[in-house]
């Protein structure tokens, strides 16, 4: 078995050792057997930089959306207040018109 000590080593140490996990053995060999050329290194660095640029852009977009939402909610509060003032002015104007019509009918 892989990673197990031979019988004489096991007898000498007097313990049982589990084999090491065999995860991605082939990919490790592939990576270690094929050195990266300067072109591949340049390409890898370019891809990393592009990914970092996308991450920064996403972070800025999120920050902009949050500030826009905060500004948007402030704007909504302002519009609600303006709407309420206009409604009060219209109600007052309608009361004045009702009073004028009532005087004309007398």
PDB file of N, CA and C in Angstrom:
ATOM      1  N   UNK A   1       0.828  -1.193   0.000  1.00  0.00           N
ATOM      2  CA  UNK A   1       0.000   0.000   0.000  1.00  0.00           C
ATOM      3  C   UNK A   1       0.861   1.239   0.000  1.00  0.00           C
ATOM      4  N   UNK A   2       0.253   2.330  -0.424  1.00  0.00           N
ATOM      5  CA  UNK A   2       0.985   3.585  -0.524  1.00  0.00           C
ATOM      6  C   UNK A   2       1.131   4.232   0.840  1.00  0.00           C
ATOM      7  N   UNK A   3       2.309   4.675   1.159  1.00  0.00           N
ATOM      8  CA  UNK A   3       2.524   5.408   2.386  1.00  0.00           C
ATOM      9  C   UNK A   3       2.670   4.538   3.625  1.00  0.00           C
ATOM     10  N   UNK A   4       2.450   3.231   3.512  1.00  0.00           N
ATOM     11  CA  UNK A   4       2.597   2.364   4.673  1.00  0.00           C
ATOM     12  C   UNK A   4       4.064   1.993   4.849  1.00  0.00           C
ATOM     13  N   UNK A   5       4.526   1.907   6.056  1.00  0.00           N
ATOM     14  CA  UNK A   5       5.912   1.509   6.266  1.00  0.00           C
ATOM     15  C   UNK A   5       6.093   0.028   5.958  1.00  0.00           C
ATOM     16  N   UNK A   6       7.280  -0.310   5.592  1.00  0.00           N
ATOM     17  CA  UNK A   6       7.562  -1.734   5.355  1.00  0.00           C
ATOM     18  C   UNK A   6       7.525  -2.463   6.676  1.00  0.00           C
ATOM     19  N   UNK A   7       7.477  -3.797   6.622  1.00  0.00           N
ATOM     20  CA  UNK A   7       7.341  -4.587   7.851  1.00  0.00           C
ATOM     21  C   UNK A   7       8.466  -4.336   8.836  1.00  0.00           C
ATOM     22  N   UNK A   8       9.696  -4.264   8.333  1.00  0.00           N
ATOM     23  CA  UNK A   8      10.796  -4.066   9.276  1.00  0.00           C
ATOM     24  C   UNK A   8      10.782  -2.664   9.883  1.00  0.00           C
ATOM     25  N   UNK A   9      10.280  -1.656   9.134  1.00  0.00           N
ATOM     26  CA  UNK A   9      10.174  -0.309   9.694  1.00  0.00           C
ATOM     27  C   UNK A   9       9.051  -0.266  10.720  1.00  0.00           C
ATOM     28  N   UNK A  10       7.923  -0.925  10.420  1.00  0.00           N
ATOM     29  CA  UNK A  10       6.802  -0.956  11.360  1.00  0.00           C
ATOM     30  C   UNK A  10       7.210  -1.664  12.639  1.00  0.00           C
ATOM     31  N   UNK A  11       7.949  -2.743  12.489  1.00  0.00           N
ATOM     32  CA  UNK A  11       8.396  -3.469  13.678  1.00  0.00           C
ATOM     33  C   UNK A  11       9.355  -2.604  14.493  1.00  0.00           C
ATOM     34  N   UNK A  12      10.198  -1.890  13.796  1.00  0.00           N
ATOM     35  CA  UNK A  12      11.180  -1.056  14.478  1.00  0.00           C
ATOM     36  C   UNK A  12      10.503   0.071  15.253  1.00  0.00           C
ATOM     37  N   UNK A  13       9.519   0.741  14.644  1.00  0.00           N
ATOM     38  CA  UNK A  13       8.855   1.866  15.295  1.00  0.00           C
ATOM     39  C   UNK A  13       7.712   1.413  16.186  1.00  0.00           C
ATOM     40  N   UNK A  14       7.202   0.228  15.907  1.00  0.00           N
ATOM     41  CA  UNK A  14       6.155  -0.316  16.757  1.00  0.00           C
ATOM     42  C   UNK A  14       4.832   0.423  16.632  1.00  0.00           C
ATOM     43  N   UNK A  15       4.545   1.038  15.511  1.00  0.00           N
ATOM     44  CA  UNK A  15       3.279   1.745  15.350  1.00  0.00           C
ATOM     45  C   UNK A  15       2.765   1.575  13.928  1.00  0.00           C
ATOM     46  N   UNK A  16       1.486   1.781  13.798  1.00  0.00           N
ATOM     47  CA  UNK A  16       0.847   1.717  12.491  1.00  0.00           C
ATOM     48  C   UNK A  16       0.651   3.137  11.987  1.00  0.00           C
ATOM     49  N   UNK A  17       1.001   3.374  10.753  1.00  0.00           N
ATOM     50  CA  UNK A  17       0.810   4.698  10.154  1.00  0.00           C
ATOM     51  C   UNK A  17      -0.165   4.575   9.001  1.00  0.00           C
ATOM     52  N   UNK A  18      -1.116   5.499   8.968  1.00  0.00           N
ATOM     53  CA  UNK A  18      -2.067   5.511   7.861  1.00  0.00           C
ATOM     54  C   UNK A  18      -1.397   6.081   6.627  1.00  0.00           C
ATOM     55  N   UNK A  19      -1.834   5.650   5.462  1.00  0.00           N
ATOM     56  CA  UNK A  19      -1.277   6.242   4.244  1.00  0.00           C
ATOM     57  C   UNK A  19      -1.749   7.691   4.104  1.00  0.00           C
ATOM     58  N   UNK A  20      -0.926   8.481   3.511  1.00  0.00           N
ATOM     59  CA  UNK A  20      -1.294   9.876   3.263  1.00  0.00           C
ATOM     60  C   UNK A  20      -2.422   9.918   2.248  1.00  0.00           C
ATOM     61  N   UNK A  21      -3.313  10.875   2.346  1.00  0.00           N
ATOM     62  CA  UNK A  21      -4.400  10.971   1.359  1.00  0.00           C
ATOM     63  C   UNK A  21      -3.829  11.231  -0.025  1.00  0.00           C
ATOM     64  N   UNK A  22      -4.470  10.663  -1.016  1.00  0.00           N
ATOM     65  CA  UNK A  22      -3.990  10.791  -2.390  1.00  0.00           C
ATOM     66  C   UNK A  22      -4.897  11.744  -3.157  1.00  0.00           C
ATOM     67  N   UNK A  23      -4.910  12.968  -2.794  1.00  0.00           N
ATOM     68  CA  UNK A  23      -5.737  13.967  -3.452  1.00  0.00           C
ATOM     69  C   UNK A  23      -4.921  14.666  -4.522  1.00  0.00           C
ATOM     70  N   UNK A  24      -5.432  14.726  -5.685  1.00  0.00           N
ATOM     71  CA  UNK A  24      -4.837  15.490  -6.789  1.00  0.00           C
ATOM     72  C   UNK A  24      -3.385  15.093  -7.053  1.00  0.00           C
ATOM     73  N   UNK A  25      -3.084  13.828  -6.977  1.00  0.00           N
ATOM     74  CA  UNK A  25      -1.704  13.387  -7.207  1.00  0.00           C
ATOM     75  C   UNK A  25      -1.285  13.679  -8.633  1.00  0.00           C
ATOM     76  N   UNK A  26      -2.160  13.409  -9.576  1.00  0.00           N
ATOM     77  CA  UNK A  26      -1.797  13.631 -10.981  1.00  0.00           C
ATOM     78  C   UNK A  26      -1.611  15.106 -11.295  1.00  0.00           C
ATOM     79  N   UNK A  27      -2.472  15.955 -10.743  1.00  0.00           N
ATOM     80  CA  UNK A  27      -2.328  17.389 -11.026  1.00  0.00           C
ATOM     81  C   UNK A  27      -1.060  17.937 -10.397  1.00  0.00           C
ATOM     82  N   UNK A  28      -0.668  17.416  -9.234  1.00  0.00           N
ATOM     83  CA  UNK A  28       0.579  17.857  -8.618  1.00  0.00           C
ATOM     84  C   UNK A  28       1.753  17.485  -9.499  1.00  0.00           C
ATOM     85  N   UNK A  29       1.729  16.259 -10.030  1.00  0.00           N
ATOM     86  CA  UNK A  29       2.806  15.837 -10.927  1.00  0.00           C
ATOM     87  C   UNK A  29       2.821  16.675 -12.191  1.00  0.00           C
ATOM     88  N   UNK A  30       1.654  16.975 -12.711  1.00  0.00           N
ATOM     89  CA  UNK A  30       1.560  17.766 -13.934  1.00  0.00           C
ATOM     90  C   UNK A  30       2.134  19.156 -13.720  1.00  0.00           C
ATOM     91  N   UNK A  31       1.772  19.768 -12.626  1.00  0.00           N
ATOM     92  CA  UNK A  31       2.263  21.111 -12.340  1.00  0.00           C
ATOM     93  C   UNK A  31       3.763  21.097 -12.093  1.00  0.00           C
ATOM     94  N   UNK A  32       4.228  20.112 -11.364  1.00  0.00           N
ATOM     95  CA  UNK A  32       5.653  20.104 -11.038  1.00  0.00           C
ATOM     96  C   UNK A  32       6.517  19.672 -12.210  1.00  0.00           C
ATOM     97  N   UNK A  33       5.964  18.932 -13.172  1.00  0.00           N
ATOM     98  CA  UNK A  33       6.754  18.475 -14.315  1.00  0.00           C
ATOM     99  C   UNK A  33       6.821  19.494 -15.439  1.00  0.00           C
ATOM    100  N   UNK A  34       5.834  20.386 -15.503  1.00  0.00           N
ATOM    101  CA  UNK A  34       5.789  21.365 -16.586  1.00  0.00           C
ATOM    102  C   UNK A  34       6.070  22.739 -16.003  1.00  0.00           C
ATOM    103  N   UNK A  35       7.284  23.239 -16.184  1.00  0.00           N
ATOM    104  CA  UNK A  35       7.581  24.576 -15.654  1.00  0.00           C
ATOM    105  C   UNK A  35       6.830  25.637 -16.452  1.00  0.00           C
ATOM    106  N   UNK A  36       6.481  26.711 -15.774  1.00  0.00           N
ATOM    107  CA  UNK A  36       5.772  27.792 -16.461  1.00  0.00           C
ATOM    108  C   UNK A  36       6.773  28.628 -17.237  1.00  0.00           C
ATOM    109  N   UNK A  37       6.422  28.883 -18.471  1.00  0.00           N
ATOM    110  CA  UNK A  37       7.255  29.747 -19.296  1.00  0.00           C
ATOM    111  C   UNK A  37       6.938  31.196 -18.947  1.00  0.00           C
ATOM    112  N   UNK A  38       7.762  32.081 -19.431  1.00  0.00           N
ATOM    113  CA  UNK A  38       7.538  33.504 -19.175  1.00  0.00           C
ATOM    114  C   UNK A  38       6.192  33.948 -19.724  1.00  0.00           C
ATOM    115  N   UNK A  39       5.812  33.419 -20.886  1.00  0.00           N
ATOM    116  CA  UNK A  39       4.511  33.776 -21.477  1.00  0.00           C
ATOM    117  C   UNK A  39       3.356  33.311 -20.592  1.00  0.00           C
ATOM    118  N   UNK A  40       3.459  32.098 -20.062  1.00  0.00           N
ATOM    119  CA  UNK A  40       2.396  31.591 -19.195  1.00  0.00           C
ATOM    120  C   UNK A  40       2.326  32.385 -17.899  1.00  0.00           C
ATOM    121  N   UNK A  41       3.484  32.768 -17.371  1.00  0.00           N
ATOM    122  CA  UNK A  41       3.500  33.585 -16.156  1.00  0.00           C
ATOM    123  C   UNK A  41       2.858  34.936 -16.429  1.00  0.00           C
ATOM    124  N   UNK A  42       3.195  35.542 -17.554  1.00  0.00           N
ATOM    125  CA  UNK A  42       2.616  36.831 -17.928  1.00  0.00           C
ATOM    126  C   UNK A  42       1.106  36.712 -18.087  1.00  0.00           C
ATOM    127  N   UNK A  43       0.672  35.640 -18.752  1.00  0.00           N
ATOM    128  CA  UNK A  43      -0.762  35.419 -18.939  1.00  0.00           C
ATOM    129  C   UNK A  43      -1.461  35.228 -17.596  1.00  0.00           C
ATOM    130  N   UNK A  44      -0.859  34.447 -16.715  1.00  0.00           N
ATOM    131  CA  UNK A  44      -1.455  34.214 -15.397  1.00  0.00           C
ATOM    132  C   UNK A  44      -1.547  35.515 -14.611  1.00  0.00           C
ATOM    133  N   UNK A  45      -0.499  36.311 -14.634  1.00  0.00           N
ATOM    134  CA  UNK A  45      -0.524  37.591 -13.926  1.00  0.00           C
ATOM    135  C   UNK A  45      -1.572  38.528 -14.511  1.00  0.00           C
ATOM    136  N   UNK A  46      -1.699  38.518 -15.835  1.00  0.00           N
ATOM    137  CA  UNK A  46      -2.719  39.356 -16.481  1.00  0.00           C
ATOM    138  C   UNK A  46      -4.113  38.936 -16.049  1.00  0.00           C
ATOM    139  N   UNK A  47      -4.353  37.637 -15.962  1.00  0.00           N
ATOM    140  CA  UNK A  47      -5.658  37.151 -15.537  1.00  0.00           C
ATOM    141  C   UNK A  47      -5.932  37.518 -14.081  1.00  0.00           C
ATOM    142  N   UNK A  48      -4.902  37.428 -13.246  1.00  0.00           N
ATOM    143  CA  UNK A  48      -5.064  37.805 -11.839  1.00  0.00           C
ATOM    144  C   UNK A  48      -5.385  39.287 -11.728  1.00  0.00           C
ATOM    145  N   UNK A  49      -4.665  40.121 -12.486  1.00  0.00           N
ATOM    146  CA  UNK A  49      -4.925  41.562 -12.459  1.00  0.00           C
ATOM    147  C   UNK A  49      -6.320  41.882 -12.961  1.00  0.00           C
ATOM    148  N   UNK A  50      -6.767  41.172 -14.015  1.00  0.00           N
ATOM    149  CA  UNK A  50      -8.122  41.393 -14.529  1.00  0.00           C
ATOM    150  C   UNK A  50      -9.164  41.007 -13.480  1.00  0.00           C
ATOM    151  N   UNK A  51      -8.910  39.909 -12.772  1.00  0.00           N
ATOM    152  CA  UNK A  51      -9.836  39.493 -11.712  1.00  0.00           C
ATOM    153  C   UNK A  51      -9.876  40.528 -10.595  1.00  0.00           C
ATOM    154  N   UNK A  52      -8.727  41.060 -10.213  1.00  0.00           N
ATOM    155  CA  UNK A  52      -8.692  42.093  -9.176  1.00  0.00           C
ATOM    156  C   UNK A  52      -9.426  43.352  -9.624  1.00  0.00           C
ATOM    157  N   UNK A  53      -9.294  43.698 -10.897  1.00  0.00           N
ATOM    158  CA  UNK A  53     -10.011  44.858 -11.443  1.00  0.00           C
ATOM    159  C   UNK A  53     -11.516  44.634 -11.363  1.00  0.00           C
ATOM    160  N   UNK A  54     -11.960  43.410 -11.712  1.00  0.00           N
ATOM    161  CA  UNK A  54     -13.394  43.106 -11.630  1.00  0.00           C
ATOM    162  C   UNK A  54     -13.883  43.159 -10.190  1.00  0.00           C
ATOM    163  N   UNK A  55     -13.065  42.676  -9.262  1.00  0.00           N
ATOM    164  CA  UNK A  55     -13.442  42.718  -7.845  1.00  0.00           C
ATOM    165  C   UNK A  55     -13.567  44.163  -7.378  1.00  0.00           C
ATOM    166  N   UNK A  56     -12.603  45.009  -7.745  1.00  0.00           N
ATOM    167  CA  UNK A  56     -12.670  46.427  -7.368  1.00  0.00           C
ATOM    168  C   UNK A  56     -13.904  47.102  -7.965  1.00  0.00           C
ATOM    169  N   UNK A  57     -14.190  46.792  -9.232  1.00  0.00           N
ATOM    170  CA  UNK A  57     -15.356  47.390  -9.886  1.00  0.00           C
ATOM    171  C   UNK A  57     -16.644  46.959  -9.189  1.00  0.00           C
ATOM    172  N   UNK A  58     -16.729  45.688  -8.812  1.00  0.00           N
ATOM    173  CA  UNK A  58     -17.923  45.199  -8.119  1.00  0.00           C
ATOM    174  C   UNK A  58     -18.060  45.863  -6.759  1.00  0.00           C
ATOM    175  N   UNK A  59     -16.941  46.039  -6.059  1.00  0.00           N
ATOM    176  CA  UNK A  59     -16.983  46.681  -4.745  1.00  0.00           C
ATOM    177  C   UNK A  59     -17.421  48.141  -4.889  1.00  0.00           C
ATOM    178  N   UNK A  60     -16.909  48.842  -5.891  1.00  0.00           N
ATOM    179  CA  UNK A  60     -17.297  50.240  -6.107  1.00  0.00           C
ATOM    180  C   UNK A  60     -18.765  50.343  -6.506  1.00  0.00           C
ATOM    181  N   UNK A  61     -19.225  49.405  -7.343  1.00  0.00           N
ATOM    182  CA  UNK A  61     -20.631  49.419  -7.749  1.00  0.00           C
ATOM    183  C   UNK A  61     -21.541  49.197  -6.544  1.00  0.00           C
ATOM    184  N   UNK A  62     -21.133  48.302  -5.659  1.00  0.00           N
ATOM    185  CA  UNK A  62     -21.921  48.044  -4.452  1.00  0.00           C
ATOM    186  C   UNK A  62     -21.947  49.275  -3.551  1.00  0.00           C
ATOM    187  N   UNK A  63     -20.801  49.913  -3.390  1.00  0.00           N
ATOM    188  CA  UNK A  63     -20.739  51.123  -2.566  1.00  0.00           C
ATOM    189  C   UNK A  63     -21.598  52.226  -3.183  1.00  0.00           C
ATOM    190  N   UNK A  64     -21.552  52.359  -4.510  1.00  0.00           N
ATOM    191  CA  UNK A  64     -22.359  53.370  -5.199  1.00  0.00           C
ATOM    192  C   UNK A  64     -23.845  53.065  -5.023  1.00  0.00           C
ATOM    193  N   UNK A  65     -24.202  51.784  -5.133  1.00  0.00           N
ATOM    194  CA  UNK A  65     -25.609  51.405  -4.974  1.00  0.00           C
ATOM    195  C   UNK A  65     -26.088  51.700  -3.556  1.00  0.00           C
ATOM    196  N   UNK A  66     -25.227  51.443  -2.561  1.00  0.00           N
ATOM    197  CA  UNK A  66     -25.606  51.721  -1.175  1.00  0.00           C
ATOM    198  C   UNK A  66     -25.784  53.214  -0.940  1.00  0.00           C
ATOM    199  N   UNK A  67     -24.860  54.029  -1.484  1.00  0.00           N
ATOM    200  CA  UNK A  67     -24.993  55.475  -1.294  1.00  0.00           C
ATOM    201  C   UNK A  67     -26.192  56.011  -2.062  1.00  0.00           C
ATOM    202  N   UNK A  68     -26.440  55.423  -3.239  1.00  0.00           N
ATOM    203  CA  UNK A  68     -27.596  55.842  -4.027  1.00  0.00           C
ATOM    204  C   UNK A  68     -28.890  55.489  -3.293  1.00  0.00           C
ATOM    205  N   UNK A  69     -28.905  54.319  -2.655  1.00  0.00           N
ATOM    206  CA  UNK A  69     -30.088  53.919  -1.892  1.00  0.00           C
ATOM    207  C   UNK A  69     -30.295  54.858  -0.710  1.00  0.00           C
ATOM    208  N   UNK A  70     -29.199  55.233  -0.051  1.00  0.00           N
ATOM    209  CA  UNK A  70     -29.310  56.164   1.073  1.00  0.00           C
ATOM    210  C   UNK A  70     -29.807  57.520   0.587  1.00  0.00           C
ATOM    211  N   UNK A  71     -29.250  57.987  -0.546  1.00  0.00           N
ATOM    212  CA  UNK A  71     -29.711  59.251  -1.120  1.00  0.00           C
ATOM    213  C   UNK A  71     -31.146  59.121  -1.605  1.00  0.00           C
ATOM    214  N   UNK A  72     -31.477  57.952  -2.140  1.00  0.00           N
ATOM    215  CA  UNK A  72     -32.832  57.720  -2.627  1.00  0.00           C
ATOM    216  C   UNK A  72     -33.843  57.767  -1.506  1.00  0.00           C
ATOM    217  N   UNK A  73     -33.517  57.172  -0.371  1.00  0.00           N
ATOM    218  CA  UNK A  73     -34.468  57.192   0.738  1.00  0.00           C
ATOM    219  C   UNK A  73     -34.592  58.599   1.321  1.00  0.00           C
ATOM    220  N   UNK A  74     -33.516  59.360   1.330  1.00  0.00           N
ATOM    221  CA  UNK A  74     -33.594  60.754   1.773  1.00  0.00           C
ATOM    222  C   UNK A  74     -34.476  61.549   0.811  1.00  0.00           C
ATOM    223  N   UNK A  75     -34.337  61.250  -0.474  1.00  0.00           N
ATOM    224  CA  UNK A  75     -35.145  61.928  -1.490  1.00  0.00           C
ATOM    225  C   UNK A  75     -36.618  61.559  -1.325  1.00  0.00           C
ATOM    226  N   UNK A  76     -36.904  60.325  -1.005  1.00  0.00           N
ATOM    227  CA  UNK A  76     -38.290  59.893  -0.800  1.00  0.00           C
ATOM    228  C   UNK A  76     -38.902  60.637   0.385  1.00  0.00           C
ATOM    229  N   UNK A  77     -38.148  60.756   1.465  1.00  0.00           N
ATOM    230  CA  UNK A  77     -38.646  61.489   2.639  1.00  0.00           C
ATOM    231  C   UNK A  77     -38.935  62.931   2.266  1.00  0.00           C
ATOM    232  N   UNK A  78     -38.037  63.530   1.498  1.00  0.00           N
ATOM    233  CA  UNK A  78     -38.244  64.913   1.054  1.00  0.00           C
ATOM    234  C   UNK A  78     -39.497  65.032   0.193  1.00  0.00           C
ATOM    235  N   UNK A  79     -39.689  64.097  -0.730  1.00  0.00           N
ATOM    236  CA  UNK A  79     -40.874  64.130  -1.591  1.00  0.00           C
ATOM    237  C   UNK A  79     -42.159  63.932  -0.791  1.00  0.00           C
ATOM    238  N   UNK A  80     -42.124  63.067   0.208  1.00  0.00           N
ATOM    239  CA  UNK A  80     -43.308  62.863   1.053  1.00  0.00           C
ATOM    240  C   UNK A  80     -43.657  64.153   1.778  1.00  0.00           C
ATOM    241  N   UNK A  81     -42.642  64.831   2.283  1.00  0.00           N
ATOM    242  CA  UNK A  81     -42.888  66.104   2.985  1.00  0.00           C
ATOM    243  C   UNK A  81     -43.462  67.159   2.043  1.00  0.00           C
ATOM    244  N   UNK A  82     -42.908  67.267   0.849  1.00  0.00           N
ATOM    245  CA  UNK A  82     -43.411  68.223  -0.144  1.00  0.00           C
ATOM    246  C   UNK A  82     -44.851  67.877  -0.516  1.00  0.00           C
ATOM    247  N   UNK A  83     -45.123  66.610  -0.702  1.00  0.00           N
ATOM    248  CA  UNK A  83     -46.466  66.170  -1.057  1.00  0.00           C
ATOM    249  C   UNK A  83     -47.467  66.548   0.044  1.00  0.00           C
ATOM    250  N   UNK A  84     -47.074  66.335   1.285  1.00  0.00           N
ATOM    251  CA  UNK A  84     -47.963  66.671   2.404  1.00  0.00           C
ATOM    252  C   UNK A  84     -48.239  68.171   2.454  1.00  0.00           C
ATOM    253  N   UNK A  85     -47.204  68.988   2.237  1.00  0.00           N
ATOM    254  CA  UNK A  85     -47.414  70.450   2.224  1.00  0.00           C
ATOM    255  C   UNK A  85     -48.345  70.854   1.090  1.00  0.00           C
ATOM    256  N   UNK A  86     -48.180  70.261  -0.084  1.00  0.00           N
ATOM    257  CA  UNK A  86     -49.060  70.574  -1.217  1.00  0.00           C
ATOM    258  C   UNK A  86     -50.496  70.149  -0.919  1.00  0.00           C
ATOM    259  N   UNK A  87     -50.651  68.985  -0.288  1.00  0.00           N
ATOM    260  CA  UNK A  87     -51.993  68.534   0.023  1.00  0.00           C
ATOM    261  C   UNK A  87     -52.669  69.497   1.005  1.00  0.00           C
ATOM    262  N   UNK A  88     -51.933  69.994   1.975  1.00  0.00           N
ATOM    263  CA  UNK A  88     -52.484  70.965   2.916  1.00  0.00           C
ATOM    264  C   UNK A  88     -52.863  72.259   2.212  1.00  0.00           C
ATOM    265  N   UNK A  89     -52.032  72.710   1.270  1.00  0.00           N
ATOM    266  CA  UNK A  89     -52.335  73.935   0.529  1.00  0.00           C
ATOM    267  C   UNK A  89     -53.588  73.759  -0.331  1.00  0.00           C
ATOM    268  N   UNK A  90     -53.716  72.597  -0.974  1.00  0.00           N
ATOM    269  CA  UNK A  90     -54.902  72.333  -1.800  1.00  0.00           C
ATOM    270  C   UNK A  90     -56.153  72.276  -0.927  1.00  0.00           C
ATOM    271  N   UNK A  91     -56.036  71.618   0.223  1.00  0.00           N
ATOM    272  CA  UNK A  91     -57.193  71.539   1.123  1.00  0.00           C
ATOM    273  C   UNK A  91     -57.606  72.933   1.579  1.00  0.00           C
ATOM    274  N   UNK A  92     -56.652  73.800   1.895  1.00  0.00           N
ATOM    275  CA  UNK A  92     -56.949  75.181   2.299  1.00  0.00           C
ATOM    276  C   UNK A  92     -57.607  75.948   1.149  1.00  0.00           C
ATOM    277  N   UNK A  93     -57.094  75.760  -0.054  1.00  0.00           N
ATOM    278  CA  UNK A  93     -57.679  76.445  -1.220  1.00  0.00           C
ATOM    279  C   UNK A  93     -59.120  75.980  -1.455  1.00  0.00           C
ATOM    280  N   UNK A  94     -59.384  74.690  -1.289  1.00  0.00           N
ATOM    281  CA  UNK A  94     -60.745  74.178  -1.462  1.00  0.00           C
ATOM    282  C   UNK A  94     -61.689  74.741  -0.391  1.00  0.00           C
ATOM    283  N   UNK A  95     -61.200  74.895   0.829  1.00  0.00           N
ATOM    284  CA  UNK A  95     -62.022  75.489   1.883  1.00  0.00           C
ATOM    285  C   UNK A  95     -62.363  76.947   1.526  1.00  0.00           C
ATOM    286  N   UNK A  96     -61.375  77.673   1.015  1.00  0.00           N
ATOM    287  CA  UNK A  96     -61.625  79.063   0.622  1.00  0.00           C
ATOM    288  C   UNK A  96     -62.641  79.135  -0.511  1.00  0.00           C
ATOM    289  N   UNK A  97     -62.539  78.233  -1.486  1.00  0.00           N
ATOM    290  CA  UNK A  97     -63.518  78.202  -2.580  1.00  0.00           C
ATOM    291  C   UNK A  97     -64.917  77.869  -2.054  1.00  0.00           C
ATOM    292  N   UNK A  98     -65.012  76.915  -1.142  1.00  0.00           N
ATOM    293  CA  UNK A  98     -66.305  76.573  -0.549  1.00  0.00           C
ATOM    294  C   UNK A  98     -66.914  77.786   0.166  1.00  0.00           C
ATOM    295  N   UNK A  99     -66.076  78.524   0.888  1.00  0.00           N
ATOM    296  CA  UNK A  99     -66.562  79.719   1.576  1.00  0.00           C
ATOM    297  C   UNK A  99     -67.066  80.757   0.572  1.00  0.00           C
ATOM    298  N   UNK A 100     -66.320  80.971  -0.511  1.00  0.00           N
ATOM    299  CA  UNK A 100     -66.744  81.931  -1.535  1.00  0.00           C
ATOM    300  C   UNK A 100     -68.061  81.509  -2.182  1.00  0.00           C
ATOM    301  N   UNK A 101     -68.190  80.221  -2.498  1.00  0.00           N
ATOM    302  CA  UNK A 101     -69.422  79.739  -3.110  1.00  0.00           C
ATOM    303  C   UNK A 101     -70.602  79.883  -2.125  1.00  0.00           C
ATOM    304  N   UNK A 102     -70.323  79.626  -0.882  1.00  0.00           N
ATOM    305  CA  UNK A 102     -71.410  79.762   0.121  1.00  0.00           C
ATOM    306  C   UNK A 102     -71.850  81.212   0.227  1.00  0.00           C
ATOM    307  N   UNK A 103     -70.944  82.158   0.130  1.00  0.00           N
ATOM    308  CA  UNK A 103     -71.289  83.600   0.199  1.00  0.00           C
ATOM    309  C   UNK A 103     -72.056  84.011  -1.032  1.00  0.00           C
ATOM    310  N   UNK A 104     -71.697  83.466  -2.187  1.00  0.00           N
ATOM    311  CA  UNK A 104     -72.393  83.811  -3.430  1.00  0.00           C
ATOM    312  C   UNK A 104     -73.823  83.279  -3.425  1.00  0.00           C
ATOM    313  N   UNK A 105     -74.064  82.159  -2.795  1.00  0.00           N
ATOM    314  CA  UNK A 105     -75.410  81.565  -2.732  1.00  0.00           C
ATOM    315  C   UNK A 105     -76.325  82.318  -1.771  1.00  0.00           C
ATOM    316  N   UNK A 106     -75.784  83.072  -0.870  1.00  0.00           N
ATOM    317  CA  UNK A 106     -76.620  83.791   0.116  1.00  0.00           C
ATOM    318  C   UNK A 106     -77.303  84.947  -0.481  1.00  0.00           C
TER     319      UNK A 106
END
